Amino acid sequence: MRKLYYGRISTTDGQSAASQHEDAKQHGVNVKDVFIDEGISGYHVAPGDREQWRKVEHDLRHGGVLIVRWLDRISRRYDELHRTMRRLIDMGVRVECTLNGMVFDGNATDPIAKATRDAVLAFMAAQGEADYKNRAEMQRRGVAIAKATGKYTGRERSHDYGAIRAWRAEHGASIRQTAEQFGVGTATVKRACAERASIA
């Protein structure tokens, strides 16, 4: 049975693509079966709107094993995570979480096992969204306090957006090629390009 690994890196996660590639390797996933969306919010971008996730669902349409660090890699929204997991389960996919060994088996037949799986899924989906909203609110409060006391200056850029845009335009490069050239994530390149678009 084919085993796939899905990872997602947002701009605020403490993880990196390298850590998720290592996680996949430790769980016996072939490098060609590792799919990672970079610079993607798990709350604001639905799974179906992500390039790598679409490949994962396509490859799992006849079943298989999906390995993720945790369910929030799929989505941080209750409804989206629940719908996506239901699709996987209906396709007979077994979802394994490396963070704590939790398993959601689409091939379960025992009614008690299925009920337990679905109840835990609903709880974890709700917890994921609540955790995201709580952290976002705490961050907003922290920024507000820092601004009120004159200690907030905004996040300093670590890269020259102008140089990134200029190099990409000069070479006609893709976002990924540009990211590799500057040693940054694809999200940084997208932000640089978006800034130019907003100025224009």
C-alpha atoms as a PDB file:
ATOM      1  CA  MET A   1       0.000   0.000   0.000  1.00  0.00           C
ATOM      2  CA  ARG A   2       1.416   3.392  -1.008  1.00  0.00           C
ATOM      3  CA  LYS A   3       2.535   5.650   1.826  1.00  0.00           C
ATOM      4  CA  LEU A   4       2.527   9.439   1.355  1.00  0.00           C
ATOM      5  CA  TYR A   5       3.668  12.265   3.612  1.00  0.00           C
ATOM      6  CA  TYR A   6       2.057  15.685   3.604  1.00  0.00           C
ATOM      7  CA  GLY A   7       3.598  18.738   5.218  1.00  0.00           C
ATOM      8  CA  ARG A   8       2.661  22.385   5.319  1.00  0.00           C
ATOM      9  CA  ILE A   9       4.811  25.322   6.338  1.00  0.00           C
ATOM     10  CA  SER A  10       3.222  28.680   7.094  1.00  0.00           C
ATOM     11  CA  THR A  11       5.036  31.937   7.754  1.00  0.00           C
ATOM     12  CA  THR A  12       4.368  31.639  11.499  1.00  0.00           C
ATOM     13  CA  ASP A  13       5.163  27.961  12.131  1.00  0.00           C
ATOM     14  CA  GLY A  14       8.281  27.104  14.037  1.00  0.00           C
ATOM     15  CA  GLN A  15       8.906  24.182  11.705  1.00  0.00           C
ATOM     16  CA  SER A  16      10.779  24.093   8.434  1.00  0.00           C
ATOM     17  CA  ALA A  17      10.480  22.025   5.289  1.00  0.00           C
ATOM     18  CA  ALA A  18      13.710  20.291   6.318  1.00  0.00           C
ATOM     19  CA  SER A  19      12.203  19.138   9.625  1.00  0.00           C
ATOM     20  CA  GLN A  20       9.175  17.691   7.871  1.00  0.00           C
ATOM     21  CA  HIS A  21      11.337  15.955   5.250  1.00  0.00           C
ATOM     22  CA  GLU A  22      13.261  14.405   8.134  1.00  0.00           C
ATOM     23  CA  ASP A  23       9.990  13.398   9.809  1.00  0.00           C
ATOM     24  CA  ALA A  24       8.921  11.689   6.582  1.00  0.00           C
ATOM     25  CA  LYS A  25      12.257   9.886   6.272  1.00  0.00           C
ATOM     26  CA  GLN A  26      12.068   8.621   9.851  1.00  0.00           C
ATOM     27  CA  HIS A  27       8.665   7.130   9.081  1.00  0.00           C
ATOM     28  CA  GLY A  28       9.822   5.287   5.990  1.00  0.00           C
ATOM     29  CA  VAL A  29       8.344   7.516   3.305  1.00  0.00           C
ATOM     30  CA  ASN A  30      10.154   7.615  -0.036  1.00  0.00           C
ATOM     31  CA  VAL A  31      11.331  11.114  -0.911  1.00  0.00           C
ATOM     32  CA  LYS A  32       9.213  11.103  -4.098  1.00  0.00           C
ATOM     33  CA  ASP A  33       6.136  10.557  -1.956  1.00  0.00           C
ATOM     34  CA  VAL A  34       6.697  13.653   0.220  1.00  0.00           C
ATOM     35  CA  PHE A  35       4.486  16.651  -0.570  1.00  0.00           C
ATOM     36  CA  ILE A  36       4.981  19.968   1.239  1.00  0.00           C
ATOM     37  CA  ASP A  37       3.145  23.241   0.703  1.00  0.00           C
ATOM     38  CA  GLU A  38       5.367  26.146   1.771  1.00  0.00           C
ATOM     39  CA  GLY A  39       4.276  29.586   2.907  1.00  0.00           C
ATOM     40  CA  ILE A  40       0.666  28.428   3.181  1.00  0.00           C
ATOM     41  CA  SER A  41      -1.698  29.277   6.022  1.00  0.00           C
ATOM     42  CA  GLY A  42      -3.654  26.331   7.355  1.00  0.00           C
ATOM     43  CA  TYR A  43      -6.438  28.686   8.405  1.00  0.00           C
ATOM     44  CA  HIS A  44      -6.764  31.015   5.420  1.00  0.00           C
ATOM     45  CA  VAL A  45      -6.001  28.617   2.545  1.00  0.00           C
ATOM     46  CA  ALA A  46      -8.263  25.603   2.053  1.00  0.00           C
ATOM     47  CA  PRO A  47      -6.604  22.247   1.312  1.00  0.00           C
ATOM     48  CA  GLY A  48      -8.157  22.164  -2.157  1.00  0.00           C
ATOM     49  CA  ASP A  49      -6.468  25.475  -2.993  1.00  0.00           C
ATOM     50  CA  ARG A  50      -2.971  24.107  -2.329  1.00  0.00           C
ATOM     51  CA  GLU A  51      -0.894  22.644  -5.145  1.00  0.00           C
ATOM     52  CA  GLN A  52       0.784  19.864  -3.170  1.00  0.00           C
ATOM     53  CA  TRP A  53      -2.350  18.853  -1.301  1.00  0.00           C
ATOM     54  CA  ARG A  54      -4.241  18.396  -4.575  1.00  0.00           C
ATOM     55  CA  LYS A  55      -1.535  15.948  -5.667  1.00  0.00           C
ATOM     56  CA  VAL A  56      -1.880  14.059  -2.384  1.00  0.00           C
ATOM     57  CA  GLU A  57      -5.641  13.628  -2.705  1.00  0.00           C
ATOM     58  CA  HIS A  58      -5.293  12.571  -6.331  1.00  0.00           C
ATOM     59  CA  ASP A  59      -2.707   9.926  -5.469  1.00  0.00           C
ATOM     60  CA  LEU A  60      -4.811   8.629  -2.568  1.00  0.00           C
ATOM     61  CA  ARG A  61      -8.062   8.362  -4.527  1.00  0.00           C
ATOM     62  CA  HIS A  62      -7.859   4.555  -4.394  1.00  0.00           C
ATOM     63  CA  GLY A  63      -6.699   4.380  -0.786  1.00  0.00           C
ATOM     64  CA  GLY A  64      -3.320   4.255   0.903  1.00  0.00           C
ATOM     65  CA  VAL A  65      -1.604   5.683   3.967  1.00  0.00           C
ATOM     66  CA  LEU A  66      -1.215   9.392   4.601  1.00  0.00           C
ATOM     67  CA  ILE A  67       1.325  10.467   7.199  1.00  0.00           C
ATOM     68  CA  VAL A  68       1.222  13.956   8.705  1.00  0.00           C
ATOM     69  CA  ARG A  69       2.933  15.471  11.717  1.00  0.00           C
ATOM     70  CA  TRP A  70      -0.479  16.496  13.036  1.00  0.00           C
ATOM     71  CA  LEU A  71      -3.961  17.122  11.632  1.00  0.00           C
ATOM     72  CA  ASP A  72      -3.427  20.891  11.654  1.00  0.00           C
ATOM     73  CA  ARG A  73      -1.052  20.400   8.701  1.00  0.00           C
ATOM     74  CA  ILE A  74      -4.171  19.553   6.666  1.00  0.00           C
ATOM     75  CA  SER A  75      -6.283  22.417   7.989  1.00  0.00           C
ATOM     76  CA  ARG A  76      -6.761  24.622  11.049  1.00  0.00           C
ATOM     77  CA  ARG A  77     -10.464  25.152  10.313  1.00  0.00           C
ATOM     78  CA  TYR A  78     -12.956  22.769  11.876  1.00  0.00           C
ATOM     79  CA  ASP A  79     -15.298  22.442   8.894  1.00  0.00           C
ATOM     80  CA  GLU A  80     -12.546  22.111   6.288  1.00  0.00           C
ATOM     81  CA  LEU A  81     -10.551  19.572   8.260  1.00  0.00           C
ATOM     82  CA  HIS A  82     -13.672  17.551   9.001  1.00  0.00           C
ATOM     83  CA  ARG A  83     -14.774  17.538   5.337  1.00  0.00           C
ATOM     84  CA  THR A  84     -11.304  16.687   4.076  1.00  0.00           C
ATOM     85  CA  MET A  85     -10.826  13.858   6.565  1.00  0.00           C
ATOM     86  CA  ARG A  86     -14.262  12.476   5.687  1.00  0.00           C
ATOM     87  CA  ARG A  87     -13.244  12.342   2.016  1.00  0.00           C
ATOM     88  CA  LEU A  88     -10.047  10.510   2.920  1.00  0.00           C
ATOM     89  CA  ILE A  89     -11.872   8.078   5.178  1.00  0.00           C
ATOM     90  CA  ASP A  90     -14.491   7.403   2.501  1.00  0.00           C
ATOM     91  CA  MET A  91     -11.638   6.574   0.084  1.00  0.00           C
ATOM     92  CA  GLY A  92     -10.289   4.046   2.588  1.00  0.00           C
ATOM     93  CA  VAL A  93      -7.225   6.101   3.515  1.00  0.00           C
ATOM     94  CA  ARG A  94      -5.434   5.504   6.805  1.00  0.00           C
ATOM     95  CA  VAL A  95      -4.171   8.796   8.299  1.00  0.00           C
ATOM     96  CA  GLU A  96      -1.296   8.519  10.771  1.00  0.00           C
ATOM     97  CA  CYS A  97      -0.016  11.401  12.939  1.00  0.00           C
ATOM     98  CA  THR A  98       3.672  11.263  13.809  1.00  0.00           C
ATOM     99  CA  LEU A  99       3.363  13.686  16.730  1.00  0.00           C
ATOM    100  CA  ASN A 100       1.560  11.220  18.982  1.00  0.00           C
ATOM    101  CA  GLY A 101       0.882   8.068  16.960  1.00  0.00           C
ATOM    102  CA  MET A 102      -2.824   8.794  16.565  1.00  0.00           C
ATOM    103  CA  VAL A 103      -4.468   6.896  13.682  1.00  0.00           C
ATOM    104  CA  PHE A 104      -7.661   7.591  11.729  1.00  0.00           C
ATOM    105  CA  ASP A 105      -8.394   4.455   9.705  1.00  0.00           C
ATOM    106  CA  GLY A 106     -10.730   4.670   6.731  1.00  0.00           C
ATOM    107  CA  ASN A 107     -10.863   0.874   6.583  1.00  0.00           C
ATOM    108  CA  ALA A 108     -12.256   0.412  10.092  1.00  0.00           C
ATOM    109  CA  THR A 109     -15.377  -1.785  10.109  1.00  0.00           C
ATOM    110  CA  ASP A 110     -16.158  -2.197  13.800  1.00  0.00           C
ATOM    111  CA  PRO A 111     -18.890   0.320  14.749  1.00  0.00           C
ATOM    112  CA  ILE A 112     -17.275   1.192  18.084  1.00  0.00           C
ATOM    113  CA  ALA A 113     -13.889   1.782  16.420  1.00  0.00           C
ATOM    114  CA  LYS A 114     -15.541   3.982  13.787  1.00  0.00           C
ATOM    115  CA  ALA A 115     -17.488   5.963  16.385  1.00  0.00           C
ATOM    116  CA  THR A 116     -14.353   6.498  18.481  1.00  0.00           C
ATOM    117  CA  ARG A 117     -12.374   7.580  15.402  1.00  0.00           C
ATOM    118  CA  ASP A 118     -15.055  10.071  14.348  1.00  0.00           C
ATOM    119  CA  ALA A 119     -15.457  11.503  17.859  1.00  0.00           C
ATOM    120  CA  VAL A 120     -11.712  12.036  18.279  1.00  0.00           C
ATOM    121  CA  LEU A 121     -11.549  13.596  14.814  1.00  0.00           C
ATOM    122  CA  ALA A 122     -14.314  16.073  15.648  1.00  0.00           C
ATOM    123  CA  PHE A 123     -12.621  17.008  18.909  1.00  0.00           C
ATOM    124  CA  MET A 124      -9.177  17.477  17.344  1.00  0.00           C
ATOM    125  CA  ALA A 125     -10.603  19.546  14.482  1.00  0.00           C
ATOM    126  CA  ALA A 126     -12.334  21.852  16.957  1.00  0.00           C
ATOM    127  CA  GLN A 127      -9.211  22.106  19.123  1.00  0.00           C
ATOM    128  CA  GLY A 128      -7.074  23.008  16.098  1.00  0.00           C
ATOM    129  CA  GLU A 129      -9.257  25.977  15.143  1.00  0.00           C
ATOM    130  CA  ALA A 130      -9.599  27.138  18.741  1.00  0.00           C
ATOM    131  CA  ASP A 131      -5.821  26.983  19.219  1.00  0.00           C
ATOM    132  CA  TYR A 132      -5.211  29.052  16.075  1.00  0.00           C
ATOM    133  CA  LYS A 133      -7.720  31.728  17.094  1.00  0.00           C
ATOM    134  CA  ASN A 134      -6.330  31.897  20.614  1.00  0.00           C
ATOM    135  CA  ARG A 135      -2.738  32.351  19.407  1.00  0.00           C
ATOM    136  CA  ALA A 136      -3.804  34.985  16.863  1.00  0.00           C
ATOM    137  CA  GLU A 137      -5.670  36.914  19.567  1.00  0.00           C
ATOM    138  CA  MET A 138      -2.694  36.756  21.944  1.00  0.00           C
ATOM    139  CA  GLN A 139      -0.431  38.038  19.178  1.00  0.00           C
ATOM    140  CA  ARG A 140      -2.797  40.938  18.433  1.00  0.00           C
ATOM    141  CA  ARG A 141      -2.869  41.851  22.133  1.00  0.00           C
ATOM    142  CA  GLY A 142       0.907  41.735  22.347  1.00  0.00           C
ATOM    143  CA  VAL A 143       1.284  44.010  19.330  1.00  0.00           C
ATOM    144  CA  ALA A 144      -1.316  46.435  20.702  1.00  0.00           C
ATOM    145  CA  ILE A 145       0.510  46.658  24.055  1.00  0.00           C
ATOM    146  CA  ALA A 146       3.867  47.132  22.330  1.00  0.00           C
ATOM    147  CA  LYS A 147       2.447  49.903  20.144  1.00  0.00           C
ATOM    148  CA  ALA A 148       0.865  51.649  23.133  1.00  0.00           C
ATOM    149  CA  THR A 149       4.199  51.693  24.960  1.00  0.00           C
ATOM    150  CA  GLY A 150       6.193  52.719  21.875  1.00  0.00           C
ATOM    151  CA  LYS A 151       8.120  49.446  21.761  1.00  0.00           C
ATOM    152  CA  TYR A 152       6.693  48.086  18.510  1.00  0.00           C
ATOM    153  CA  THR A 153       8.483  48.913  15.277  1.00  0.00           C
ATOM    154  CA  GLY A 154       7.121  46.106  13.107  1.00  0.00           C
ATOM    155  CA  ARG A 155       8.941  43.027  11.893  1.00  0.00           C
ATOM    156  CA  GLU A 156      12.235  43.858  10.227  1.00  0.00           C
ATOM    157  CA  ARG A 157      12.688  42.409   6.776  1.00  0.00           C
ATOM    158  CA  SER A 158      15.442  39.874   6.429  1.00  0.00           C
ATOM    159  CA  HIS A 159      15.624  40.191   2.619  1.00  0.00           C
ATOM    160  CA  ASP A 160      15.655  42.919  -0.022  1.00  0.00           C
ATOM    161  CA  TYR A 161      12.312  42.635  -1.827  1.00  0.00           C
ATOM    162  CA  GLY A 162      13.511  44.940  -4.603  1.00  0.00           C
ATOM    163  CA  ALA A 163      16.502  42.703  -5.348  1.00  0.00           C
ATOM    164  CA  ILE A 164      14.287  39.622  -5.382  1.00  0.00           C
ATOM    165  CA  ARG A 165      11.852  41.226  -7.853  1.00  0.00           C
ATOM    166  CA  ALA A 166      14.647  42.535 -10.062  1.00  0.00           C
ATOM    167  CA  TRP A 167      16.438  39.181 -10.279  1.00  0.00           C
ATOM    168  CA  ARG A 168      13.232  37.322 -11.053  1.00  0.00           C
ATOM    169  CA  ALA A 169      12.278  39.810 -13.800  1.00  0.00           C
ATOM    170  CA  GLU A 170      15.776  39.754 -15.315  1.00  0.00           C
ATOM    171  CA  HIS A 171      15.930  35.967 -15.488  1.00  0.00           C
ATOM    172  CA  GLY A 172      12.253  35.237 -16.154  1.00  0.00           C
ATOM    173  CA  ALA A 173      12.462  32.812 -13.257  1.00  0.00           C
ATOM    174  CA  SER A 174       9.676  30.986 -11.476  1.00  0.00           C
ATOM    175  CA  ILE A 175       8.866  31.686  -7.839  1.00  0.00           C
ATOM    176  CA  ARG A 176      10.578  28.461  -6.771  1.00  0.00           C
ATOM    177  CA  GLN A 177      13.728  29.183  -8.814  1.00  0.00           C
ATOM    178  CA  THR A 178      13.895  32.668  -7.324  1.00  0.00           C
ATOM    179  CA  ALA A 179      13.459  31.285  -3.809  1.00  0.00           C
ATOM    180  CA  GLU A 180      16.333  28.865  -4.373  1.00  0.00           C
ATOM    181  CA  GLN A 181      18.545  31.643  -5.760  1.00  0.00           C
ATOM    182  CA  PHE A 182      18.081  33.801  -2.645  1.00  0.00           C
ATOM    183  CA  GLY A 183      17.865  30.968  -0.142  1.00  0.00           C
ATOM    184  CA  VAL A 184      14.393  31.989   0.999  1.00  0.00           C
ATOM    185  CA  GLY A 185      10.968  30.384   1.092  1.00  0.00           C
ATOM    186  CA  THR A 186       8.508  30.718  -1.774  1.00  0.00           C
ATOM    187  CA  ALA A 187       6.299  32.804   0.542  1.00  0.00           C
ATOM    188  CA  THR A 188       8.994  35.487   0.730  1.00  0.00           C
ATOM    189  CA  VAL A 189       9.171  35.703  -3.060  1.00  0.00           C
ATOM    190  CA  LYS A 190       5.381  35.920  -3.277  1.00  0.00           C
ATOM    191  CA  ARG A 191       5.337  38.743  -0.732  1.00  0.00           C
ATOM    192  CA  ALA A 192       8.020  40.610  -2.682  1.00  0.00           C
ATOM    193  CA  CYS A 193       6.009  40.316  -5.890  1.00  0.00           C
ATOM    194  CA  ALA A 194       2.772  41.245  -4.135  1.00  0.00           C
ATOM    195  CA  GLU A 195       4.395  44.385  -2.737  1.00  0.00           C
ATOM    196  CA  ARG A 196       5.340  45.504  -6.250  1.00  0.00           C
ATOM    197  CA  ALA A 197       1.783  44.836  -7.443  1.00  0.00           C
ATOM    198  CA  SER A 198       0.324  46.928  -4.600  1.00  0.00           C
ATOM    199  CA  ILE A 199       2.722  49.798  -5.345  1.00  0.00           C
ATOM    200  CA  ALA A 200       1.847  49.669  -9.037  1.00  0.00           C
END
